[in-house]
Amino acid sequence: MPILSQAFEMAVQQDGWASLANMGNALYQVDPGFDPRTYGHKQLSKMISKLKDRFEMRAQENDGPIIFYVRMKE
């Protein structure tokens, strides 16, 4: 989906990873009506994790909540 690629490009950091939260915010900027439930997923994280051919996800725990990061596969 082009909208996911566009949101990723808006949220990506210099290390090639984007936090899932920042990507979600970018998705809302690109399309305020975006909802992963439209595509059969309850959460953006579950949607991205199903797109293994396009995205890679990792989790990082920092003395608090777990933060998810996304990277596009080449």
PDB file of N, CA and C in Angstrom:
ATOM      1  N   MET A   1       0.837  -1.181   0.000  1.00  0.00           N
ATOM      2  CA  MET A   1       0.000   0.000   0.000  1.00  0.00           C
ATOM      3  C   MET A   1       0.885   1.248   0.000  1.00  0.00           C
ATOM      4  N   PRO A   2       0.708   2.088  -0.957  1.00  0.00           N
ATOM      5  CA  PRO A   2       1.536   3.306  -1.033  1.00  0.00           C
ATOM      6  C   PRO A   2       1.435   4.186   0.211  1.00  0.00           C
ATOM      7  N   ILE A   3       0.297   4.193   0.852  1.00  0.00           N
ATOM      8  CA  ILE A   3       0.124   5.052   2.029  1.00  0.00           C
ATOM      9  C   ILE A   3       1.072   4.632   3.156  1.00  0.00           C
ATOM     10  N   LEU A   4       1.311   3.327   3.302  1.00  0.00           N
ATOM     11  CA  LEU A   4       2.234   2.855   4.337  1.00  0.00           C
ATOM     12  C   LEU A   4       3.663   3.264   4.022  1.00  0.00           C
ATOM     13  N   SER A   5       4.040   3.155   2.763  1.00  0.00           N
ATOM     14  CA  SER A   5       5.386   3.570   2.359  1.00  0.00           C
ATOM     15  C   SER A   5       5.579   5.065   2.569  1.00  0.00           C
ATOM     16  N   GLN A   6       4.575   5.838   2.233  1.00  0.00           N
ATOM     17  CA  GLN A   6       4.654   7.291   2.398  1.00  0.00           C
ATOM     18  C   GLN A   6       4.772   7.662   3.877  1.00  0.00           C
ATOM     19  N   ALA A   7       3.979   7.025   4.717  1.00  0.00           N
ATOM     20  CA  ALA A   7       4.035   7.304   6.157  1.00  0.00           C
ATOM     21  C   ALA A   7       5.387   6.882   6.728  1.00  0.00           C
ATOM     22  N   PHE A   8       5.902   5.746   6.272  1.00  0.00           N
ATOM     23  CA  PHE A   8       7.209   5.300   6.744  1.00  0.00           C
ATOM     24  C   PHE A   8       8.273   6.334   6.392  1.00  0.00           C
ATOM     25  N   GLU A   9       8.268   6.815   5.164  1.00  0.00           N
ATOM     26  CA  GLU A   9       9.260   7.804   4.722  1.00  0.00           C
ATOM     27  C   GLU A   9       9.176   9.089   5.553  1.00  0.00           C
ATOM     28  N   MET A  10       7.996   9.428   6.011  1.00  0.00           N
ATOM     29  CA  MET A  10       7.829  10.616   6.852  1.00  0.00           C
ATOM     30  C   MET A  10       8.367  10.389   8.262  1.00  0.00           C
ATOM     31  N   ALA A  11       8.344   9.142   8.737  1.00  0.00           N
ATOM     32  CA  ALA A  11       8.680   8.844  10.132  1.00  0.00           C
ATOM     33  C   ALA A  11      10.077   8.262  10.326  1.00  0.00           C
ATOM     34  N   VAL A  12      10.719   7.828   9.264  1.00  0.00           N
ATOM     35  CA  VAL A  12      11.988   7.116   9.387  1.00  0.00           C
ATOM     36  C   VAL A  12      13.093   8.020   9.941  1.00  0.00           C
ATOM     37  N   GLN A  13      13.938   7.422  10.767  1.00  0.00           N
ATOM     38  CA  GLN A  13      15.083   8.121  11.343  1.00  0.00           C
ATOM     39  C   GLN A  13      16.327   7.797  10.518  1.00  0.00           C
ATOM     40  N   GLN A  14      17.451   8.401  10.869  1.00  0.00           N
ATOM     41  CA  GLN A  14      18.683   8.194  10.117  1.00  0.00           C
ATOM     42  C   GLN A  14      19.171   6.748  10.144  1.00  0.00           C
ATOM     43  N   ASP A  15      18.806   6.003  11.178  1.00  0.00           N
ATOM     44  CA  ASP A  15      19.249   4.611  11.270  1.00  0.00           C
ATOM     45  C   ASP A  15      18.402   3.655  10.421  1.00  0.00           C
ATOM     46  N   GLY A  16      17.398   4.193   9.729  1.00  0.00           N
ATOM     47  CA  GLY A  16      16.565   3.372   8.858  1.00  0.00           C
ATOM     48  C   GLY A  16      15.334   2.787   9.523  1.00  0.00           C
ATOM     49  N   TRP A  17      15.145   3.072  10.813  1.00  0.00           N
ATOM     50  CA  TRP A  17      13.999   2.578  11.568  1.00  0.00           C
ATOM     51  C   TRP A  17      13.062   3.730  11.910  1.00  0.00           C
ATOM     52  N   ALA A  18      11.776   3.432  11.988  1.00  0.00           N
ATOM     53  CA  ALA A  18      10.770   4.407  12.412  1.00  0.00           C
ATOM     54  C   ALA A  18       9.997   3.802  13.575  1.00  0.00           C
ATOM     55  N   SER A  19       9.732   4.587  14.594  1.00  0.00           N
ATOM     56  CA  SER A  19       8.901   4.053  15.672  1.00  0.00           C
ATOM     57  C   SER A  19       7.489   3.869  15.114  1.00  0.00           C
ATOM     58  N   LEU A  20       6.830   2.839  15.579  1.00  0.00           N
ATOM     59  CA  LEU A  20       5.480   2.557  15.107  1.00  0.00           C
ATOM     60  C   LEU A  20       4.541   3.712  15.444  1.00  0.00           C
ATOM     61  N   ALA A  21       4.755   4.346  16.592  1.00  0.00           N
ATOM     62  CA  ALA A  21       3.921   5.484  16.985  1.00  0.00           C
ATOM     63  C   ALA A  21       4.079   6.641  16.002  1.00  0.00           C
ATOM     64  N   ASN A  22       5.324   6.937  15.615  1.00  0.00           N
ATOM     65  CA  ASN A  22       5.553   8.013  14.647  1.00  0.00           C
ATOM     66  C   ASN A  22       4.977   7.667  13.286  1.00  0.00           C
ATOM     67  N   MET A  23       5.061   6.402  12.915  1.00  0.00           N
ATOM     68  CA  MET A  23       4.487   5.983  11.649  1.00  0.00           C
ATOM     69  C   MET A  23       2.964   6.114  11.691  1.00  0.00           C
ATOM     70  N   GLY A  24       2.372   5.776  12.815  1.00  0.00           N
ATOM     71  CA  GLY A  24       0.918   5.944  12.978  1.00  0.00           C
ATOM     72  C   GLY A  24       0.508   7.398  12.865  1.00  0.00           C
ATOM     73  N   ASN A  25       1.293   8.285  13.469  1.00  0.00           N
ATOM     74  CA  ASN A  25       0.999   9.718  13.369  1.00  0.00           C
ATOM     75  C   ASN A  25       1.133  10.200  11.928  1.00  0.00           C
ATOM     76  N   ALA A  26       2.146   9.711  11.216  1.00  0.00           N
ATOM     77  CA  ALA A  26       2.326  10.082   9.816  1.00  0.00           C
ATOM     78  C   ALA A  26       1.177   9.558   8.964  1.00  0.00           C
ATOM     79  N   LEU A  27       0.701   8.360   9.265  1.00  0.00           N
ATOM     80  CA  LEU A  27      -0.452   7.815   8.539  1.00  0.00           C
ATOM     81  C   LEU A  27      -1.664   8.723   8.701  1.00  0.00           C
ATOM     82  N   TYR A  28      -1.865   9.206   9.909  1.00  0.00           N
ATOM     83  CA  TYR A  28      -3.000  10.093  10.165  1.00  0.00           C
ATOM     84  C   TYR A  28      -2.848  11.404   9.395  1.00  0.00           C
ATOM     85  N   GLN A  29      -1.620  11.900   9.265  1.00  0.00           N
ATOM     86  CA  GLN A  29      -1.392  13.126   8.491  1.00  0.00           C
ATOM     87  C   GLN A  29      -1.677  12.902   7.008  1.00  0.00           C
ATOM     88  N   VAL A  30      -1.262  11.748   6.496  1.00  0.00           N
ATOM     89  CA  VAL A  30      -1.469  11.426   5.083  1.00  0.00           C
ATOM     90  C   VAL A  30      -2.941  11.173   4.794  1.00  0.00           C
ATOM     91  N   ASP A  31      -3.591  10.419   5.681  1.00  0.00           N
ATOM     92  CA  ASP A  31      -5.006  10.067   5.502  1.00  0.00           C
ATOM     93  C   ASP A  31      -5.688  10.030   6.858  1.00  0.00           C
ATOM     94  N   PRO A  32      -6.345  11.125   7.244  1.00  0.00           N
ATOM     95  CA  PRO A  32      -6.996  11.169   8.561  1.00  0.00           C
ATOM     96  C   PRO A  32      -8.042  10.067   8.771  1.00  0.00           C
ATOM     97  N   GLY A  33      -8.524   9.474   7.718  1.00  0.00           N
ATOM     98  CA  GLY A  33      -9.520   8.412   7.838  1.00  0.00           C
ATOM     99  C   GLY A  33      -8.922   7.016   7.880  1.00  0.00           C
ATOM    100  N   PHE A  34      -7.583   6.911   7.880  1.00  0.00           N
ATOM    101  CA  PHE A  34      -6.949   5.589   7.881  1.00  0.00           C
ATOM    102  C   PHE A  34      -7.300   4.828   9.155  1.00  0.00           C
ATOM    103  N   ASP A  35      -7.652   3.555   8.980  1.00  0.00           N
ATOM    104  CA  ASP A  35      -7.979   2.695  10.111  1.00  0.00           C
ATOM    105  C   ASP A  35      -7.561   1.269   9.736  1.00  0.00           C
ATOM    106  N   PRO A  36      -6.670   0.654  10.505  1.00  0.00           N
ATOM    107  CA  PRO A  36      -6.240  -0.707  10.156  1.00  0.00           C
ATOM    108  C   PRO A  36      -7.396  -1.708  10.133  1.00  0.00           C
ATOM    109  N   ARG A  37      -8.478  -1.407  10.818  1.00  0.00           N
ATOM    110  CA  ARG A  37      -9.636  -2.313  10.810  1.00  0.00           C
ATOM    111  C   ARG A  37     -10.252  -2.404   9.421  1.00  0.00           C
ATOM    112  N   THR A  38     -10.076  -1.359   8.613  1.00  0.00           N
ATOM    113  CA  THR A  38     -10.552  -1.394   7.227  1.00  0.00           C
ATOM    114  C   THR A  38      -9.877  -2.526   6.462  1.00  0.00           C
ATOM    115  N   TYR A  39      -8.654  -2.870   6.876  1.00  0.00           N
ATOM    116  CA  TYR A  39      -7.871  -3.904   6.211  1.00  0.00           C
ATOM    117  C   TYR A  39      -7.856  -5.217   6.994  1.00  0.00           C
ATOM    118  N   GLY A  40      -8.762  -5.337   7.977  1.00  0.00           N
ATOM    119  CA  GLY A  40      -8.913  -6.586   8.715  1.00  0.00           C
ATOM    120  C   GLY A  40      -7.999  -6.762   9.910  1.00  0.00           C
ATOM    121  N   HIS A  41      -7.428  -5.665  10.412  1.00  0.00           N
ATOM    122  CA  HIS A  41      -6.511  -5.751  11.550  1.00  0.00           C
ATOM    123  C   HIS A  41      -6.966  -4.805  12.659  1.00  0.00           C
ATOM    124  N   LYS A  42      -6.906  -5.284  13.889  1.00  0.00           N
ATOM    125  CA  LYS A  42      -7.346  -4.459  15.017  1.00  0.00           C
ATOM    126  C   LYS A  42      -6.363  -3.346  15.342  1.00  0.00           C
ATOM    127  N   GLN A  43      -5.080  -3.585  15.071  1.00  0.00           N
ATOM    128  CA  GLN A  43      -4.043  -2.610  15.420  1.00  0.00           C
ATOM    129  C   GLN A  43      -3.063  -2.462  14.266  1.00  0.00           C
ATOM    130  N   LEU A  44      -2.436  -1.297  14.208  1.00  0.00           N
ATOM    131  CA  LEU A  44      -1.428  -1.047  13.186  1.00  0.00           C
ATOM    132  C   LEU A  44      -0.275  -2.033  13.324  1.00  0.00           C
ATOM    133  N   SER A  45       0.126  -2.348  14.549  1.00  0.00           N
ATOM    134  CA  SER A  45       1.241  -3.278  14.757  1.00  0.00           C
ATOM    135  C   SER A  45       0.937  -4.644  14.158  1.00  0.00           C
ATOM    136  N   LYS A  46      -0.289  -5.118  14.306  1.00  0.00           N
ATOM    137  CA  LYS A  46      -0.665  -6.415  13.741  1.00  0.00           C
ATOM    138  C   LYS A  46      -0.692  -6.350  12.218  1.00  0.00           C
ATOM    139  N   MET A  47      -1.115  -5.238  11.682  1.00  0.00           N
ATOM    140  CA  MET A  47      -1.146  -5.056  10.233  1.00  0.00           C
ATOM    141  C   MET A  47       0.267  -5.085   9.651  1.00  0.00           C
ATOM    142  N   ILE A  48       1.171  -4.331  10.271  1.00  0.00           N
ATOM    143  CA  ILE A  48       2.556  -4.269   9.793  1.00  0.00           C
ATOM    144  C   ILE A  48       3.230  -5.636   9.937  1.00  0.00           C
ATOM    145  N   SER A  49       2.972  -6.329  11.034  1.00  0.00           N
ATOM    146  CA  SER A  49       3.614  -7.633  11.252  1.00  0.00           C
ATOM    147  C   SER A  49       3.167  -8.665  10.217  1.00  0.00           C
ATOM    148  N   LYS A  50       2.006  -8.495   9.635  1.00  0.00           N
ATOM    149  CA  LYS A  50       1.525  -9.405   8.589  1.00  0.00           C
ATOM    150  C   LYS A  50       2.165  -9.106   7.233  1.00  0.00           C
ATOM    151  N   LEU A  51       2.757  -7.944   7.076  1.00  0.00           N
ATOM    152  CA  LEU A  51       3.372  -7.537   5.812  1.00  0.00           C
ATOM    153  C   LEU A  51       4.870  -7.840   5.841  1.00  0.00           C
ATOM    154  N   LYS A  52       5.214  -9.072   6.154  1.00  0.00           N
ATOM    155  CA  LYS A  52       6.609  -9.482   6.323  1.00  0.00           C
ATOM    156  C   LYS A  52       7.447  -9.312   5.061  1.00  0.00           C
ATOM    157  N   ASP A  53       6.810  -9.312   3.911  1.00  0.00           N
ATOM    158  CA  ASP A  53       7.559  -9.143   2.662  1.00  0.00           C
ATOM    159  C   ASP A  53       7.988  -7.701   2.443  1.00  0.00           C
ATOM    160  N   ARG A  54       7.346  -6.755   3.141  1.00  0.00           N
ATOM    161  CA  ARG A  54       7.666  -5.334   2.958  1.00  0.00           C
ATOM    162  C   ARG A  54       8.283  -4.671   4.178  1.00  0.00           C
ATOM    163  N   PHE A  55       7.928  -5.150   5.377  1.00  0.00           N
ATOM    164  CA  PHE A  55       8.374  -4.502   6.609  1.00  0.00           C
ATOM    165  C   PHE A  55       8.967  -5.496   7.594  1.00  0.00           C
ATOM    166  N   GLU A  56       9.878  -4.992   8.408  1.00  0.00           N
ATOM    167  CA  GLU A  56      10.477  -5.743   9.507  1.00  0.00           C
ATOM    168  C   GLU A  56      10.157  -4.974  10.780  1.00  0.00           C
ATOM    169  N   MET A  57       9.795  -5.697  11.836  1.00  0.00           N
ATOM    170  CA  MET A  57       9.487  -5.045  13.110  1.00  0.00           C
ATOM    171  C   MET A  57      10.408  -5.578  14.192  1.00  0.00           C
ATOM    172  N   ARG A  58      10.701  -4.694  15.160  1.00  0.00           N
ATOM    173  CA  ARG A  58      11.437  -5.116  16.352  1.00  0.00           C
ATOM    174  C   ARG A  58      10.872  -4.355  17.540  1.00  0.00           C
ATOM    175  N   ALA A  59      11.030  -4.935  18.706  1.00  0.00           N
ATOM    176  CA  ALA A  59      10.555  -4.315  19.940  1.00  0.00           C
ATOM    177  C   ALA A  59      11.746  -3.968  20.805  1.00  0.00           C
ATOM    178  N   GLN A  60      11.638  -2.852  21.507  1.00  0.00           N
ATOM    179  CA  GLN A  60      12.707  -2.420  22.403  1.00  0.00           C
ATOM    180  C   GLN A  60      12.077  -1.976  23.716  1.00  0.00           C
ATOM    181  N   GLU A  61      12.623  -2.500  24.799  1.00  0.00           N
ATOM    182  CA  GLU A  61      12.114  -2.145  26.121  1.00  0.00           C
ATOM    183  C   GLU A  61      13.094  -1.196  26.784  1.00  0.00           C
ATOM    184  N   ASN A  62      12.606  -0.033  27.208  1.00  0.00           N
ATOM    185  CA  ASN A  62      13.442   0.998  27.827  1.00  0.00           C
ATOM    186  C   ASN A  62      12.900   1.374  29.198  1.00  0.00           C
ATOM    187  N   ASP A  63      13.151   0.574  30.193  1.00  0.00           N
ATOM    188  CA  ASP A  63      12.703   0.882  31.567  1.00  0.00           C
ATOM    189  C   ASP A  63      11.256   1.341  31.629  1.00  0.00           C
ATOM    190  N   GLY A  64      10.467   0.986  30.679  1.00  0.00           N
ATOM    191  CA  GLY A  64       9.069   1.401  30.643  1.00  0.00           C
ATOM    192  C   GLY A  64       8.336   0.589  29.604  1.00  0.00           C
ATOM    193  N   PRO A  65       7.465   1.256  28.877  1.00  0.00           N
ATOM    194  CA  PRO A  65       6.695   0.507  27.875  1.00  0.00           C
ATOM    195  C   PRO A  65       7.587   0.010  26.732  1.00  0.00           C
ATOM    196  N   ILE A  66       7.147  -1.042  26.108  1.00  0.00           N
ATOM    197  CA  ILE A  66       7.854  -1.575  24.943  1.00  0.00           C
ATOM    198  C   ILE A  66       7.552  -0.673  23.750  1.00  0.00           C
ATOM    199  N   ILE A  67       8.598  -0.309  23.019  1.00  0.00           N
ATOM    200  CA  ILE A  67       8.456   0.545  21.840  1.00  0.00           C
ATOM    201  C   ILE A  67       8.731  -0.319  20.618  1.00  0.00           C
ATOM    202  N   PHE A  68       7.820  -0.255  19.656  1.00  0.00           N
ATOM    203  CA  PHE A  68       7.984  -1.011  18.420  1.00  0.00           C
ATOM    204  C   PHE A  68       8.584  -0.124  17.350  1.00  0.00           C
ATOM    205  N   TYR A  69       9.487  -0.718  16.586  1.00  0.00           N
ATOM    206  CA  TYR A  69      10.127  -0.020  15.473  1.00  0.00           C
ATOM    207  C   TYR A  69       9.898  -0.791  14.185  1.00  0.00           C
ATOM    208  N   VAL A  70       9.840  -0.069  13.091  1.00  0.00           N
ATOM    209  CA  VAL A  70       9.548  -0.647  11.781  1.00  0.00           C
ATOM    210  C   VAL A  70      10.655  -0.234  10.821  1.00  0.00           C
ATOM    211  N   ARG A  71      11.010  -1.163   9.918  1.00  0.00           N
ATOM    212  CA  ARG A  71      11.974  -0.844   8.856  1.00  0.00           C
ATOM    213  C   ARG A  71      11.463  -1.494   7.570  1.00  0.00           C
ATOM    214  N   MET A  72      11.614  -0.784   6.471  1.00  0.00           N
ATOM    215  CA  MET A  72      11.213  -1.357   5.182  1.00  0.00           C
ATOM    216  C   MET A  72      12.298  -2.312   4.706  1.00  0.00           C
ATOM    217  N   LYS A  73      11.861  -3.420   4.148  1.00  0.00           N
ATOM    218  CA  LYS A  73      12.798  -4.373   3.565  1.00  0.00           C
ATOM    219  C   LYS A  73      13.165  -3.889   2.168  1.00  0.00           C
ATOM    220  N   GLU A  74      14.373  -4.204   1.762  1.00  0.00           N
ATOM    221  CA  GLU A  74      14.835  -3.746   0.449  1.00  0.00           C
ATOM    222  C   GLU A  74      14.535  -4.761  -0.623  1.00  0.00           C
TER     223      GLU A  74
END
